[in-house]
Amino acid sequence: MRGLSAARLRREDGAVAVIVATAMVVLLGAAAFTVDMGAIYSERAQLQNGADASALAIAQNCAAGTCGNMQTTAQNLANLNSNDQSSNVSVASPAANSVRVTTSTRNAKTGAATLPLTFAPILGKTSKSVSAAATAAWGNPATGPSDLGLAFAPCIFQLNGAIQVIGIAGGSVNLCASVSPSGKVLPGGFNWLADPTATCSSQASTLTGATGGSTGVSISSACSAKISAMAGQVVLLPVYSDASGTGSGAHYVISGWAAFKVLGWNFVGSGGTSLNNNLYLGAKCTGNCKGLIGQFISFVSLDDRFTMGGANLGASIVALSG
């Protein structure tokens, strides 16, 4: 009986050894998967950051008018986003006004195009090829928010022109005028747009029907608060090409979006404040003058609230598209 028990114990010991060996293989495989998948995930994240940054930077350059050396731009930014400052990069233009950047692993020490793995070689896998890609597009704004709740008359739009004061349309500040396609005389200045949320933000588009107007000529409390934080900032605002009606019954046909650098304002006496309203030669707004002070400039924005497809008034937007 004792011999039989010993034999049985030996068989059981052998079975346990097989189970332990099998478990070790499984555990090693799990360790390989966990550690190496973490490394692959980190590598892919670095490559994706590099591809995103490169595509956006190239698109910004192109939108500004000079694409420059796209390969160099992409290589520099991809390397900056890599922990070992080394990546393989390729740049393509799949469509007009777009760029696609593909990044992939490059070992800084060996130049190999694969990521060395730590535990996976136990299972016969020594390295992994990792890549990422990003596409960015650029164009002129079509639809988006007017963050000051207003739209400019066409005659006061002067791209890269002098600093100027822009008052309410039809007032005494801006004496210019233009004739719309429908034959309507459009006095210079700006008009407040409908602000249904009372946040000094009005959605406008060049692709749809006319945008509604607002009653009154005084600045709202929401716009007064918002403009106080905009000194020196560039904001995209719509320019209209035609208008009809008055007050809350007014409608404005938006022709495009312009980039306006806010340098000052004077709304004292109409519920607002003033800033730099007596600073700029030829652009002073004191006394009964009420309006914005600033300049229309060429500008590239990354604001993802806008869609593309509008007319070129000097403002461009850039966005990742895939």
C-alpha atoms as a PDB file:
ATOM      1  CA  MET A   1       0.000   0.000   0.000  1.00  0.00           C
ATOM      2  CA  ARG A   2       2.880   2.279   0.856  1.00  0.00           C
ATOM      3  CA  GLY A   3       4.460   1.657  -2.578  1.00  0.00           C
ATOM      4  CA  LEU A   4       1.187   2.365  -4.287  1.00  0.00           C
ATOM      5  CA  SER A   5       0.812   5.596  -2.371  1.00  0.00           C
ATOM      6  CA  ALA A   6       4.337   6.673  -3.248  1.00  0.00           C
ATOM      7  CA  ALA A   7       3.710   6.014  -6.935  1.00  0.00           C
ATOM      8  CA  ARG A   8       0.514   7.939  -6.796  1.00  0.00           C
ATOM      9  CA  LEU A   9       2.322  10.818  -5.101  1.00  0.00           C
ATOM     10  CA  ARG A  10       4.960  10.802  -7.810  1.00  0.00           C
ATOM     11  CA  ARG A  11       2.267  10.968 -10.458  1.00  0.00           C
ATOM     12  CA  GLU A  12       0.583  13.791  -8.620  1.00  0.00           C
ATOM     13  CA  ASP A  13       3.882  15.635  -8.262  1.00  0.00           C
ATOM     14  CA  GLY A  14       4.403  15.298 -11.987  1.00  0.00           C
ATOM     15  CA  ALA A  15       0.931  16.607 -12.697  1.00  0.00           C
ATOM     16  CA  VAL A  16       1.524  19.588 -10.418  1.00  0.00           C
ATOM     17  CA  ALA A  17       4.794  20.314 -12.184  1.00  0.00           C
ATOM     18  CA  VAL A  18       3.009  20.325 -15.527  1.00  0.00           C
ATOM     19  CA  ILE A  19       0.335  22.649 -14.165  1.00  0.00           C
ATOM     20  CA  VAL A  20       2.958  24.988 -12.689  1.00  0.00           C
ATOM     21  CA  ALA A  21       4.910  25.024 -15.928  1.00  0.00           C
ATOM     22  CA  THR A  22       1.765  25.739 -17.899  1.00  0.00           C
ATOM     23  CA  ALA A  23       0.793  28.488 -15.465  1.00  0.00           C
ATOM     24  CA  MET A  24       4.258  30.038 -15.770  1.00  0.00           C
ATOM     25  CA  VAL A  25       3.920  30.145 -19.535  1.00  0.00           C
ATOM     26  CA  VAL A  26       0.522  31.798 -19.194  1.00  0.00           C
ATOM     27  CA  LEU A  27       1.853  34.285 -16.632  1.00  0.00           C
ATOM     28  CA  LEU A  28       4.857  35.108 -18.788  1.00  0.00           C
ATOM     29  CA  GLY A  29       2.557  35.568 -21.743  1.00  0.00           C
ATOM     30  CA  ALA A  30       0.337  37.868 -19.705  1.00  0.00           C
ATOM     31  CA  ALA A  31       3.381  39.839 -18.528  1.00  0.00           C
ATOM     32  CA  ALA A  32       4.615  40.095 -22.088  1.00  0.00           C
ATOM     33  CA  PHE A  33       1.227  41.282 -23.237  1.00  0.00           C
ATOM     34  CA  THR A  34       0.806  43.824 -20.425  1.00  0.00           C
ATOM     35  CA  VAL A  35       4.284  45.345 -20.466  1.00  0.00           C
ATOM     36  CA  ASP A  36       4.768  45.324 -24.202  1.00  0.00           C
ATOM     37  CA  MET A  37       1.250  46.523 -24.972  1.00  0.00           C
ATOM     38  CA  GLY A  38       1.893  49.412 -22.595  1.00  0.00           C
ATOM     39  CA  ALA A  39       5.059  50.266 -24.506  1.00  0.00           C
ATOM     40  CA  ILE A  40       3.233  50.020 -27.835  1.00  0.00           C
ATOM     41  CA  TYR A  41       0.407  52.215 -26.542  1.00  0.00           C
ATOM     42  CA  SER A  42       2.891  54.842 -25.321  1.00  0.00           C
ATOM     43  CA  GLU A  43       4.757  54.764 -28.622  1.00  0.00           C
ATOM     44  CA  ARG A  44       1.552  55.134 -30.621  1.00  0.00           C
ATOM     45  CA  ALA A  45       0.429  58.058 -28.428  1.00  0.00           C
ATOM     46  CA  GLN A  46       3.741  59.842 -29.029  1.00  0.00           C
ATOM     47  CA  LEU A  47       3.503  59.225 -32.757  1.00  0.00           C
ATOM     48  CA  GLN A  48      -0.115  60.425 -32.851  1.00  0.00           C
ATOM     49  CA  ASN A  49       0.780  63.607 -30.980  1.00  0.00           C
ATOM     50  CA  GLY A  50       3.580  64.191 -33.452  1.00  0.00           C
ATOM     51  CA  ALA A  51       1.328  63.581 -36.445  1.00  0.00           C
ATOM     52  CA  ASP A  52      -1.400  65.875 -35.082  1.00  0.00           C
ATOM     53  CA  ALA A  53       1.030  68.677 -34.251  1.00  0.00           C
ATOM     54  CA  SER A  54       2.784  68.368 -37.607  1.00  0.00           C
ATOM     55  CA  ALA A  55      -0.408  68.353 -39.677  1.00  0.00           C
ATOM     56  CA  LEU A  56      -1.822  71.363 -37.823  1.00  0.00           C
ATOM     57  CA  ALA A  57       1.421  73.333 -38.095  1.00  0.00           C
ATOM     58  CA  ILE A  58       1.742  72.703 -41.825  1.00  0.00           C
ATOM     59  CA  ALA A  59      -1.915  73.601 -42.373  1.00  0.00           C
ATOM     60  CA  GLN A  60      -1.429  76.831 -40.421  1.00  0.00           C
ATOM     61  CA  ASN A  61       1.574  77.739 -42.552  1.00  0.00           C
ATOM     62  CA  CYS A  62      -0.299  76.989 -45.762  1.00  0.00           C
ATOM     63  CA  ALA A  63      -3.369  78.924 -44.626  1.00  0.00           C
ATOM     64  CA  ALA A  64      -1.119  81.905 -43.921  1.00  0.00           C
ATOM     65  CA  GLY A  65       0.159  81.724 -47.504  1.00  0.00           C
ATOM     66  CA  THR A  66       3.507  79.955 -47.172  1.00  0.00           C
ATOM     67  CA  CYS A  67       3.599  76.198 -46.724  1.00  0.00           C
ATOM     68  CA  GLY A  68       7.370  76.215 -46.344  1.00  0.00           C
ATOM     69  CA  ASN A  69       9.290  72.956 -46.202  1.00  0.00           C
ATOM     70  CA  MET A  70       6.521  70.630 -45.065  1.00  0.00           C
ATOM     71  CA  GLN A  71       8.832  67.660 -44.535  1.00  0.00           C
ATOM     72  CA  THR A  72      11.141  69.653 -42.265  1.00  0.00           C
ATOM     73  CA  THR A  73       8.219  71.056 -40.280  1.00  0.00           C
ATOM     74  CA  ALA A  74       6.755  67.598 -39.799  1.00  0.00           C
ATOM     75  CA  GLN A  75      10.082  65.992 -38.911  1.00  0.00           C
ATOM     76  CA  ASN A  76      10.913  68.601 -36.285  1.00  0.00           C
ATOM     77  CA  LEU A  77       7.533  68.414 -34.568  1.00  0.00           C
ATOM     78  CA  ALA A  78       7.340  64.631 -34.724  1.00  0.00           C
ATOM     79  CA  ASN A  79      10.758  64.382 -33.095  1.00  0.00           C
ATOM     80  CA  LEU A  80       9.778  66.884 -30.402  1.00  0.00           C
ATOM     81  CA  ASN A  81       6.784  64.720 -29.510  1.00  0.00           C
ATOM     82  CA  SER A  82       8.844  61.534 -29.315  1.00  0.00           C
ATOM     83  CA  ASN A  83      10.520  60.526 -26.046  1.00  0.00           C
ATOM     84  CA  ASP A  84      13.734  59.665 -27.876  1.00  0.00           C
ATOM     85  CA  GLN A  85      13.421  62.634 -30.285  1.00  0.00           C
ATOM     86  CA  SER A  86      13.374  60.322 -33.277  1.00  0.00           C
ATOM     87  CA  SER A  87      10.579  59.373 -35.703  1.00  0.00           C
ATOM     88  CA  ASN A  88      10.091  58.465 -39.322  1.00  0.00           C
ATOM     89  CA  VAL A  89       7.821  60.927 -41.119  1.00  0.00           C
ATOM     90  CA  SER A  90       6.103  61.177 -44.489  1.00  0.00           C
ATOM     91  CA  VAL A  91       3.970  64.052 -45.786  1.00  0.00           C
ATOM     92  CA  ALA A  92       1.310  63.941 -48.498  1.00  0.00           C
ATOM     93  CA  SER A  93      -1.427  66.198 -49.859  1.00  0.00           C
ATOM     94  CA  PRO A  94      -4.463  63.963 -50.427  1.00  0.00           C
ATOM     95  CA  ALA A  95      -6.696  66.841 -51.559  1.00  0.00           C
ATOM     96  CA  ALA A  96      -6.645  70.570 -52.124  1.00  0.00           C
ATOM     97  CA  ASN A  97      -6.120  72.555 -48.932  1.00  0.00           C
ATOM     98  CA  SER A  98      -5.229  69.496 -46.891  1.00  0.00           C
ATOM     99  CA  VAL A  99      -2.139  67.706 -45.661  1.00  0.00           C
ATOM    100  CA  ARG A 100      -1.645  64.209 -44.252  1.00  0.00           C
ATOM    101  CA  VAL A 101       1.282  63.370 -42.003  1.00  0.00           C
ATOM    102  CA  THR A 102       2.211  59.777 -41.195  1.00  0.00           C
ATOM    103  CA  THR A 103       4.645  59.057 -38.377  1.00  0.00           C
ATOM    104  CA  SER A 104       6.245  55.750 -37.484  1.00  0.00           C
ATOM    105  CA  THR A 105       8.789  54.318 -35.099  1.00  0.00           C
ATOM    106  CA  ARG A 106      12.463  55.054 -35.514  1.00  0.00           C
ATOM    107  CA  ASN A 107      14.919  53.792 -32.909  1.00  0.00           C
ATOM    108  CA  ALA A 108      17.226  56.686 -32.047  1.00  0.00           C
ATOM    109  CA  LYS A 109      20.139  54.335 -31.290  1.00  0.00           C
ATOM    110  CA  THR A 110      19.893  51.819 -34.109  1.00  0.00           C
ATOM    111  CA  GLY A 111      17.757  53.559 -36.710  1.00  0.00           C
ATOM    112  CA  ALA A 112      15.465  50.527 -36.797  1.00  0.00           C
ATOM    113  CA  ALA A 113      11.884  51.154 -37.856  1.00  0.00           C
ATOM    114  CA  THR A 114      10.461  48.905 -35.154  1.00  0.00           C
ATOM    115  CA  LEU A 115       9.909  49.135 -31.418  1.00  0.00           C
ATOM    116  CA  PRO A 116      11.926  46.545 -29.435  1.00  0.00           C
ATOM    117  CA  LEU A 117       9.759  44.463 -27.097  1.00  0.00           C
ATOM    118  CA  THR A 118      10.736  43.374 -23.584  1.00  0.00           C
ATOM    119  CA  PHE A 119       8.936  40.122 -22.801  1.00  0.00           C
ATOM    120  CA  ALA A 120       7.397  39.150 -26.113  1.00  0.00           C
ATOM    121  CA  PRO A 121      10.682  37.620 -27.417  1.00  0.00           C
ATOM    122  CA  ILE A 122       9.965  34.725 -25.046  1.00  0.00           C
ATOM    123  CA  LEU A 123       6.999  34.006 -27.269  1.00  0.00           C
ATOM    124  CA  GLY A 124       8.935  34.634 -30.468  1.00  0.00           C
ATOM    125  CA  LYS A 125       8.032  38.299 -31.091  1.00  0.00           C
ATOM    126  CA  THR A 126      11.039  40.618 -30.836  1.00  0.00           C
ATOM    127  CA  SER A 127       9.741  43.931 -32.170  1.00  0.00           C
ATOM    128  CA  LYS A 128       6.693  45.771 -33.418  1.00  0.00           C
ATOM    129  CA  SER A 129       6.142  48.351 -36.164  1.00  0.00           C
ATOM    130  CA  VAL A 130       4.019  51.243 -34.845  1.00  0.00           C
ATOM    131  CA  SER A 131       2.592  54.151 -36.830  1.00  0.00           C
ATOM    132  CA  ALA A 132       0.034  56.955 -36.658  1.00  0.00           C
ATOM    133  CA  ALA A 133      -1.421  59.501 -39.059  1.00  0.00           C
ATOM    134  CA  ALA A 134      -3.301  62.793 -39.049  1.00  0.00           C
ATOM    135  CA  THR A 135      -4.934  64.905 -41.737  1.00  0.00           C
ATOM    136  CA  ALA A 136      -5.494  68.638 -41.373  1.00  0.00           C
ATOM    137  CA  ALA A 137      -7.412  70.975 -43.656  1.00  0.00           C
ATOM    138  CA  TRP A 138      -7.586  74.728 -44.001  1.00  0.00           C
ATOM    139  CA  GLY A 139     -10.100  77.128 -45.488  1.00  0.00           C
ATOM    140  CA  ASN A 140     -12.197  80.216 -44.894  1.00  0.00           C
ATOM    141  CA  PRO A 141     -14.956  80.224 -42.268  1.00  0.00           C
ATOM    142  CA  ALA A 142     -18.530  79.665 -43.387  1.00  0.00           C
ATOM    143  CA  THR A 143     -20.543  78.995 -40.252  1.00  0.00           C
ATOM    144  CA  GLY A 144     -19.794  79.810 -36.641  1.00  0.00           C
ATOM    145  CA  PRO A 145     -20.489  82.068 -33.661  1.00  0.00           C
ATOM    146  CA  SER A 146     -20.173  85.840 -33.715  1.00  0.00           C
ATOM    147  CA  ASP A 147     -18.613  86.189 -30.281  1.00  0.00           C
ATOM    148  CA  LEU A 148     -19.567  89.832 -29.979  1.00  0.00           C
ATOM    149  CA  GLY A 149     -23.045  89.307 -31.360  1.00  0.00           C
ATOM    150  CA  LEU A 150     -22.600  91.680 -34.295  1.00  0.00           C
ATOM    151  CA  ALA A 151     -21.948  91.857 -38.028  1.00  0.00           C
ATOM    152  CA  PHE A 152     -20.014  94.475 -39.991  1.00  0.00           C
ATOM    153  CA  ALA A 153     -21.245  96.469 -42.967  1.00  0.00           C
ATOM    154  CA  PRO A 154     -19.147  95.831 -46.093  1.00  0.00           C
ATOM    155  CA  CYS A 155     -17.819  99.344 -46.622  1.00  0.00           C
ATOM    156  CA  ILE A 156     -15.866  99.469 -43.363  1.00  0.00           C
ATOM    157  CA  PHE A 157     -14.021  96.204 -44.050  1.00  0.00           C
ATOM    158  CA  GLN A 158     -10.409  97.062 -44.926  1.00  0.00           C
ATOM    159  CA  LEU A 159      -8.123  94.042 -44.719  1.00  0.00           C
ATOM    160  CA  ASN A 160      -4.808  94.987 -43.108  1.00  0.00           C
ATOM    161  CA  GLY A 161      -5.926  98.613 -43.174  1.00  0.00           C
ATOM    162  CA  ALA A 162      -5.513 101.293 -40.548  1.00  0.00           C
ATOM    163  CA  ILE A 163      -6.846 101.139 -37.010  1.00  0.00           C
ATOM    164  CA  GLN A 164     -10.379 102.511 -37.118  1.00  0.00           C
ATOM    165  CA  VAL A 165     -13.447 103.246 -35.054  1.00  0.00           C
ATOM    166  CA  ILE A 166     -16.552 101.276 -36.009  1.00  0.00           C
ATOM    167  CA  GLY A 167     -19.867 102.498 -34.645  1.00  0.00           C
ATOM    168  CA  ILE A 168     -23.443 101.382 -35.024  1.00  0.00           C
ATOM    169  CA  ALA A 169     -24.510 101.395 -38.679  1.00  0.00           C
ATOM    170  CA  GLY A 170     -26.280 104.560 -39.721  1.00  0.00           C
ATOM    171  CA  GLY A 171     -24.709 106.610 -36.943  1.00  0.00           C
ATOM    172  CA  SER A 172     -22.285 109.509 -37.231  1.00  0.00           C
ATOM    173  CA  VAL A 173     -19.099 107.469 -36.697  1.00  0.00           C
ATOM    174  CA  ASN A 174     -18.785 105.774 -40.089  1.00  0.00           C
ATOM    175  CA  LEU A 175     -19.787 107.871 -43.066  1.00  0.00           C
ATOM    176  CA  CYS A 176     -19.117 105.319 -45.798  1.00  0.00           C
ATOM    177  CA  ALA A 177     -21.865 103.387 -47.547  1.00  0.00           C
ATOM    178  CA  SER A 178     -22.214 100.693 -50.182  1.00  0.00           C
ATOM    179  CA  VAL A 179     -24.985  99.397 -52.395  1.00  0.00           C
ATOM    180  CA  SER A 180     -26.063  95.790 -51.904  1.00  0.00           C
ATOM    181  CA  PRO A 181     -26.824  93.334 -54.732  1.00  0.00           C
ATOM    182  CA  SER A 182     -30.515  94.030 -54.136  1.00  0.00           C
ATOM    183  CA  GLY A 183     -29.940  97.760 -54.568  1.00  0.00           C
ATOM    184  CA  LYS A 184     -30.198  98.667 -50.890  1.00  0.00           C
ATOM    185  CA  VAL A 185     -27.851 101.342 -49.515  1.00  0.00           C
ATOM    186  CA  LEU A 186     -25.869  99.865 -46.620  1.00  0.00           C
ATOM    187  CA  PRO A 187     -24.425 102.522 -44.294  1.00  0.00           C
ATOM    188  CA  GLY A 188     -21.076 101.819 -42.673  1.00  0.00           C
ATOM    189  CA  GLY A 189     -20.679 100.445 -39.173  1.00  0.00           C
ATOM    190  CA  PHE A 190     -21.969  97.339 -37.441  1.00  0.00           C
ATOM    191  CA  ASN A 191     -25.346  95.947 -36.448  1.00  0.00           C
ATOM    192  CA  TRP A 192     -26.244  93.817 -33.460  1.00  0.00           C
ATOM    193  CA  LEU A 193     -27.456  90.316 -34.291  1.00  0.00           C
ATOM    194  CA  ALA A 194     -30.189  88.342 -32.578  1.00  0.00           C
ATOM    195  CA  ASP A 195     -28.919  86.889 -29.305  1.00  0.00           C
ATOM    196  CA  PRO A 196     -31.523  84.330 -28.191  1.00  0.00           C
ATOM    197  CA  THR A 197     -29.366  83.000 -25.336  1.00  0.00           C
ATOM    198  CA  ALA A 198     -28.444  86.475 -24.015  1.00  0.00           C
ATOM    199  CA  THR A 199     -24.761  85.488 -24.034  1.00  0.00           C
ATOM    200  CA  CYS A 200     -23.520  87.955 -26.669  1.00  0.00           C
ATOM    201  CA  SER A 201     -23.040  85.150 -29.183  1.00  0.00           C
ATOM    202  CA  SER A 202     -24.964  84.804 -32.430  1.00  0.00           C
ATOM    203  CA  GLN A 203     -24.715  81.939 -34.884  1.00  0.00           C
ATOM    204  CA  ALA A 204     -24.209  83.119 -38.458  1.00  0.00           C
ATOM    205  CA  SER A 205     -23.522  81.436 -41.776  1.00  0.00           C
ATOM    206  CA  THR A 206     -22.647  82.227 -45.367  1.00  0.00           C
ATOM    207  CA  LEU A 207     -24.326  79.007 -46.472  1.00  0.00           C
ATOM    208  CA  THR A 208     -27.853  79.475 -45.171  1.00  0.00           C
ATOM    209  CA  GLY A 209     -30.477  82.205 -45.241  1.00  0.00           C
ATOM    210  CA  ALA A 210     -30.179  85.594 -43.623  1.00  0.00           C
ATOM    211  CA  THR A 211     -29.222  86.006 -39.968  1.00  0.00           C
ATOM    212  CA  GLY A 212     -31.684  87.804 -37.717  1.00  0.00           C
ATOM    213  CA  GLY A 213     -31.003  91.204 -36.187  1.00  0.00           C
ATOM    214  CA  SER A 214     -31.580  92.691 -32.751  1.00  0.00           C
ATOM    215  CA  THR A 215     -33.502  95.700 -31.515  1.00  0.00           C
ATOM    216  CA  GLY A 216     -31.820  98.774 -30.085  1.00  0.00           C
ATOM    217  CA  VAL A 217     -28.428 100.377 -30.521  1.00  0.00           C
ATOM    218  CA  SER A 218     -27.041 100.086 -26.978  1.00  0.00           C
ATOM    219  CA  ILE A 219     -24.601  97.380 -26.002  1.00  0.00           C
ATOM    220  CA  SER A 220     -26.122  94.562 -23.936  1.00  0.00           C
ATOM    221  CA  SER A 221     -24.847  93.730 -20.462  1.00  0.00           C
ATOM    222  CA  ALA A 222     -23.618  90.371 -21.787  1.00  0.00           C
ATOM    223  CA  CYS A 223     -21.623  92.025 -24.579  1.00  0.00           C
ATOM    224  CA  SER A 224     -20.285  94.672 -22.213  1.00  0.00           C
ATOM    225  CA  ALA A 225     -18.941  91.952 -19.927  1.00  0.00           C
ATOM    226  CA  LYS A 226     -17.537  89.917 -22.804  1.00  0.00           C
ATOM    227  CA  ILE A 227     -15.746  92.760 -24.559  1.00  0.00           C
ATOM    228  CA  SER A 228     -14.009  93.732 -21.317  1.00  0.00           C
ATOM    229  CA  ALA A 229     -12.008  90.499 -21.574  1.00  0.00           C
ATOM    230  CA  MET A 230     -11.165  90.889 -25.271  1.00  0.00           C
ATOM    231  CA  ALA A 231      -8.622  93.712 -25.280  1.00  0.00           C
ATOM    232  CA  GLY A 232      -5.804  92.813 -27.653  1.00  0.00           C
ATOM    233  CA  GLN A 233      -7.516  89.647 -28.842  1.00  0.00           C
ATOM    234  CA  VAL A 234      -8.467  88.677 -32.379  1.00  0.00           C
ATOM    235  CA  VAL A 235     -12.072  87.630 -32.883  1.00  0.00           C
ATOM    236  CA  LEU A 236     -13.763  86.278 -36.008  1.00  0.00           C
ATOM    237  CA  LEU A 237     -16.838  88.341 -36.869  1.00  0.00           C
ATOM    238  CA  PRO A 238     -19.205  88.205 -39.853  1.00  0.00           C
ATOM    239  CA  VAL A 239     -19.477  90.759 -42.648  1.00  0.00           C
ATOM    240  CA  TYR A 240     -22.843  91.132 -44.378  1.00  0.00           C
ATOM    241  CA  SER A 241     -23.490  91.926 -48.025  1.00  0.00           C
ATOM    242  CA  ASP A 242     -27.202  92.714 -47.865  1.00  0.00           C
ATOM    243  CA  ALA A 243     -29.816  93.640 -45.297  1.00  0.00           C
ATOM    244  CA  SER A 244     -33.554  93.990 -44.965  1.00  0.00           C
ATOM    245  CA  GLY A 245     -35.976  95.112 -42.283  1.00  0.00           C
ATOM    246  CA  THR A 246     -35.198  96.924 -39.046  1.00  0.00           C
ATOM    247  CA  GLY A 247     -34.767  96.071 -35.377  1.00  0.00           C
ATOM    248  CA  SER A 248     -35.836  92.551 -34.443  1.00  0.00           C
ATOM    249  CA  GLY A 249     -37.239  92.231 -37.958  1.00  0.00           C
ATOM    250  CA  ALA A 250     -33.876  92.912 -39.572  1.00  0.00           C
ATOM    251  CA  HIS A 251     -32.049  90.220 -41.516  1.00  0.00           C
ATOM    252  CA  TYR A 252     -28.467  90.193 -42.745  1.00  0.00           C
ATOM    253  CA  VAL A 253     -27.005  88.125 -45.572  1.00  0.00           C
ATOM    254  CA  ILE A 254     -23.549  87.071 -44.404  1.00  0.00           C
ATOM    255  CA  SER A 255     -20.864  87.205 -47.100  1.00  0.00           C
ATOM    256  CA  GLY A 256     -17.892  86.062 -45.043  1.00  0.00           C
ATOM    257  CA  TRP A 257     -15.934  86.244 -41.816  1.00  0.00           C
ATOM    258  CA  ALA A 258     -13.239  88.764 -40.968  1.00  0.00           C
ATOM    259  CA  ALA A 259     -10.588  88.701 -38.253  1.00  0.00           C
ATOM    260  CA  PHE A 260     -10.878  91.826 -36.117  1.00  0.00           C
ATOM    261  CA  LYS A 261      -8.229  92.737 -33.553  1.00  0.00           C
ATOM    262  CA  VAL A 262      -9.943  94.469 -30.646  1.00  0.00           C
ATOM    263  CA  LEU A 263      -7.798  97.397 -29.485  1.00  0.00           C
ATOM    264  CA  GLY A 264     -10.354  99.488 -27.626  1.00  0.00           C
ATOM    265  CA  TRP A 265     -13.946 100.651 -27.382  1.00  0.00           C
ATOM    266  CA  ASN A 266     -16.238 103.274 -25.997  1.00  0.00           C
ATOM    267  CA  PHE A 267     -19.735 102.364 -24.874  1.00  0.00           C
ATOM    268  CA  VAL A 268     -19.952 104.682 -21.868  1.00  0.00           C
ATOM    269  CA  GLY A 269     -23.434 106.117 -21.594  1.00  0.00           C
ATOM    270  CA  SER A 270     -25.035 103.119 -23.287  1.00  0.00           C
ATOM    271  CA  GLY A 271     -24.499 100.563 -20.551  1.00  0.00           C
ATOM    272  CA  GLY A 272     -20.846  99.775 -21.204  1.00  0.00           C
ATOM    273  CA  THR A 273     -17.267 100.798 -20.491  1.00  0.00           C
ATOM    274  CA  SER A 274     -14.384 102.319 -22.426  1.00  0.00           C
ATOM    275  CA  LEU A 275     -10.776 101.369 -23.137  1.00  0.00           C
ATOM    276  CA  ASN A 276      -8.078 103.089 -25.231  1.00  0.00           C
ATOM    277  CA  ASN A 277     -10.769 105.292 -26.732  1.00  0.00           C
ATOM    278  CA  ASN A 278      -8.447 108.305 -26.888  1.00  0.00           C
ATOM    279  CA  LEU A 279      -5.201 106.507 -27.680  1.00  0.00           C
ATOM    280  CA  TYR A 280      -4.890 105.909 -31.415  1.00  0.00           C
ATOM    281  CA  LEU A 281      -4.318 108.784 -33.817  1.00  0.00           C
ATOM    282  CA  GLY A 282      -7.183 108.893 -36.291  1.00  0.00           C
ATOM    283  CA  ALA A 283      -9.164 106.352 -34.269  1.00  0.00           C
ATOM    284  CA  LYS A 284     -10.404 108.228 -31.230  1.00  0.00           C
ATOM    285  CA  CYS A 285     -13.894 107.648 -29.856  1.00  0.00           C
ATOM    286  CA  THR A 286     -14.841 110.117 -27.145  1.00  0.00           C
ATOM    287  CA  GLY A 287     -17.883 112.116 -26.118  1.00  0.00           C
ATOM    288  CA  ASN A 288     -20.984 110.898 -27.895  1.00  0.00           C
ATOM    289  CA  CYS A 289     -18.991 108.441 -30.011  1.00  0.00           C
ATOM    290  CA  LYS A 290     -19.930 104.828 -29.343  1.00  0.00           C
ATOM    291  CA  GLY A 291     -18.117 101.980 -31.024  1.00  0.00           C
ATOM    292  CA  LEU A 292     -15.290  99.500 -31.349  1.00  0.00           C
ATOM    293  CA  ILE A 293     -11.676 100.415 -32.048  1.00  0.00           C
ATOM    294  CA  GLY A 294      -9.530  97.946 -33.908  1.00  0.00           C
ATOM    295  CA  GLN A 295      -8.146  96.623 -37.153  1.00  0.00           C
ATOM    296  CA  PHE A 296      -9.027  93.960 -39.702  1.00  0.00           C
ATOM    297  CA  ILE A 297      -6.068  91.613 -40.126  1.00  0.00           C
ATOM    298  CA  SER A 298      -5.078  88.379 -41.830  1.00  0.00           C
ATOM    299  CA  PHE A 299      -5.387  85.625 -39.267  1.00  0.00           C
ATOM    300  CA  VAL A 300      -5.373  81.843 -38.966  1.00  0.00           C
ATOM    301  CA  SER A 301      -7.575  80.346 -36.248  1.00  0.00           C
ATOM    302  CA  LEU A 302      -7.774  76.880 -34.704  1.00  0.00           C
ATOM    303  CA  ASP A 303     -11.286  77.531 -33.404  1.00  0.00           C
ATOM    304  CA  ASP A 304     -13.137  74.265 -33.962  1.00  0.00           C
ATOM    305  CA  ARG A 305     -16.567  75.917 -33.690  1.00  0.00           C
ATOM    306  CA  PHE A 306     -16.324  77.032 -37.316  1.00  0.00           C
ATOM    307  CA  THR A 307     -16.938  75.132 -40.522  1.00  0.00           C
ATOM    308  CA  MET A 308     -15.167  75.863 -43.795  1.00  0.00           C
ATOM    309  CA  GLY A 309     -16.440  76.983 -47.169  1.00  0.00           C
ATOM    310  CA  GLY A 310     -16.845  80.749 -46.920  1.00  0.00           C
ATOM    311  CA  ALA A 311     -15.398  83.644 -48.900  1.00  0.00           C
ATOM    312  CA  ASN A 312     -11.821  84.751 -48.307  1.00  0.00           C
ATOM    313  CA  LEU A 313     -11.844  87.914 -46.192  1.00  0.00           C
ATOM    314  CA  GLY A 314      -8.426  87.288 -44.694  1.00  0.00           C
ATOM    315  CA  ALA A 315      -9.549  84.916 -41.949  1.00  0.00           C
ATOM    316  CA  SER A 316      -8.750  81.210 -42.186  1.00  0.00           C
ATOM    317  CA  ILE A 317      -9.427  78.235 -39.985  1.00  0.00           C
ATOM    318  CA  VAL A 318      -7.458  75.038 -39.579  1.00  0.00           C
ATOM    319  CA  ALA A 319      -8.782  71.739 -38.235  1.00  0.00           C
ATOM    320  CA  LEU A 320      -7.889  68.080 -38.022  1.00  0.00           C
ATOM    321  CA  SER A 321     -10.076  66.174 -40.435  1.00  0.00           C
ATOM    322  CA  GLY A 322      -9.027  62.591 -39.976  1.00  0.00           C
END
